[in-house]
């Protein structure tokens, strides 16, 4: 099993920055990728950013390209999402996920609210 705990959510003004972190624990040795998803009220959950552990390649939703950056800290077993130039439409519950042997694990989610 993999346990994921997110932190760093909160209220931020439009144009500001926020950094989310996801700490992984448990059987993490075979995790192949981690990602951040978000879900706003009334919307489907969408992929925000993904990082592939083998090679470190990243993938971003078009709506966040150039503003958000996903990164990995191997020593701390964490994946972070640096959110810059945030917009009100970035308001959502952000959830961390990890894939291990084809099984996806989820964190509990953290609320991000961007005020205009």
Protein backbone atom coordinates (compact mmCIF):
# COMPACT_ATOMS: atom_id res chain seq x y z
CA UNK A 1 0.00 0.00 0.00
CA UNK A 2 0.97 3.60 -0.58
CA UNK A 3 -0.15 6.41 1.68
CA UNK A 4 -0.23 9.97 0.36
CA UNK A 5 -0.64 13.09 2.46
CA UNK A 6 -1.09 16.49 0.85
CA UNK A 7 -0.31 19.82 2.44
CA UNK A 8 -0.05 23.45 1.47
CA UNK A 9 -3.55 24.29 0.34
CA UNK A 10 -5.35 27.45 1.40
CA UNK A 11 -6.61 30.82 0.29
CA UNK A 12 -4.56 32.94 -2.08
CA UNK A 13 -5.25 36.07 -4.10
CA UNK A 14 -5.31 35.98 -7.85
CA UNK A 15 -1.83 36.49 -9.23
CA UNK A 16 -0.22 35.01 -6.15
CA UNK A 17 1.62 31.75 -5.53
CA UNK A 18 1.03 28.59 -3.57
CA UNK A 19 3.04 25.41 -3.14
CA UNK A 20 1.42 22.05 -2.58
CA UNK A 21 3.34 19.05 -1.28
CA UNK A 22 2.52 15.36 -1.31
CA UNK A 23 4.40 13.04 1.03
CA UNK A 24 4.43 9.37 0.07
CA UNK A 25 4.94 6.54 2.55
CA UNK A 26 4.44 2.81 2.74
CA UNK A 27 5.54 0.55 -0.10
CA UNK A 28 6.87 3.27 -2.38
CA UNK A 29 9.80 1.51 -4.01
CA UNK A 30 7.97 0.65 -7.23
CA UNK A 31 6.04 3.85 -7.78
CA UNK A 32 6.32 4.74 -11.46
CA UNK A 33 4.60 8.11 -11.54
CA UNK A 34 2.88 10.68 -9.39
CA UNK A 35 0.46 13.37 -10.35
CA UNK A 36 -1.76 16.17 -9.16
CA UNK A 37 -5.43 16.21 -10.08
CA UNK A 38 -8.07 18.79 -9.24
CA UNK A 39 -11.82 18.89 -9.05
CA UNK A 40 -13.92 22.02 -8.84
CA UNK A 41 -17.58 21.91 -7.78
CA UNK A 42 -19.74 20.66 -10.62
CA UNK A 43 -16.73 19.68 -12.71
CA UNK A 44 -15.04 16.40 -13.45
CA UNK A 45 -11.68 15.65 -11.93
CA UNK A 46 -8.89 16.68 -14.27
CA UNK A 47 -5.19 16.00 -14.49
CA UNK A 48 -3.12 19.06 -13.59
CA UNK A 49 0.44 17.72 -13.79
CA UNK A 50 2.25 14.40 -13.84
CA UNK A 51 5.85 13.37 -13.32
CA UNK A 52 7.27 10.08 -14.54
CA UNK A 53 9.90 8.74 -12.14
CA UNK A 54 11.98 6.98 -14.78
CA UNK A 55 13.57 9.87 -16.62
CA UNK A 56 11.73 12.64 -14.83
CA UNK A 57 9.53 13.71 -17.74
CA UNK A 58 6.56 15.91 -16.91
CA UNK A 59 3.16 16.58 -18.38
CA UNK A 60 0.83 19.54 -17.77
CA UNK A 61 -2.72 20.48 -18.52
CA UNK A 62 -2.86 23.27 -21.10
CA UNK A 63 -4.59 25.52 -18.59
CA UNK A 64 -1.61 25.50 -16.22
CA UNK A 65 1.36 25.33 -18.59
CA UNK A 66 3.87 28.05 -17.84
CA UNK A 67 2.32 28.73 -14.42
CA UNK A 68 2.58 25.46 -12.50
CA UNK A 69 5.62 23.26 -11.99
CA UNK A 70 5.66 19.71 -10.66
CA UNK A 71 8.84 18.44 -9.03
CA UNK A 72 10.10 15.52 -7.02
CA UNK A 73 12.34 15.34 -3.96
CA UNK A 74 13.73 11.81 -3.83
CA UNK A 75 15.28 12.21 -0.41
CA UNK A 76 11.99 13.28 1.16
CA UNK A 77 9.71 11.05 -0.92
CA UNK A 78 7.65 14.07 -1.84
CA UNK A 79 6.22 15.56 -4.98
CA UNK A 80 5.40 19.25 -5.04
CA UNK A 81 3.29 21.49 -7.21
CA UNK A 82 4.45 25.10 -7.42
CA UNK A 83 1.52 27.22 -8.46
CA UNK A 84 2.33 30.72 -9.74
CA UNK A 85 0.12 33.42 -11.23
CA UNK A 86 -2.94 31.64 -9.90
CA UNK A 87 -6.37 32.47 -11.23
CA UNK A 88 -9.85 32.16 -9.70
CA UNK A 89 -10.50 29.26 -12.06
CA UNK A 90 -7.72 27.34 -10.32
CA UNK A 91 -10.00 27.03 -7.29
CA UNK A 92 -10.55 23.33 -6.61
CA UNK A 93 -9.73 20.41 -4.38
CA UNK A 94 -6.27 19.24 -5.39
CA UNK A 95 -5.45 15.57 -4.92
CA UNK A 96 -2.16 13.75 -5.18
CA UNK A 97 -1.99 10.34 -6.80
CA UNK A 98 0.66 7.68 -7.28
CA UNK A 99 0.78 4.66 -9.55
CA UNK A 100 2.45 1.48 -8.41
CA UNK A 101 2.21 -1.76 -10.39
CA UNK A 102 -0.75 -0.35 -12.31
CA UNK A 103 -2.68 0.54 -9.16
CA UNK A 104 -3.50 4.19 -8.48
CA UNK A 105 -3.45 5.48 -4.93
CA UNK A 106 -4.98 8.76 -3.80
CA UNK A 107 -4.42 11.28 -1.06
CA UNK A 108 -7.27 12.91 0.83
CA UNK A 109 -7.09 16.17 -1.11
CA UNK A 110 -6.43 19.76 -0.15
CA UNK A 111 -8.56 22.80 -0.90
CA UNK A 112 -7.13 25.65 -2.93
CA UNK A 113 -9.22 28.80 -3.16
CA UNK A 114 -8.16 31.73 -5.33
CA UNK A 115 -9.88 35.03 -4.63
CA UNK A 116 -10.30 37.66 -7.31
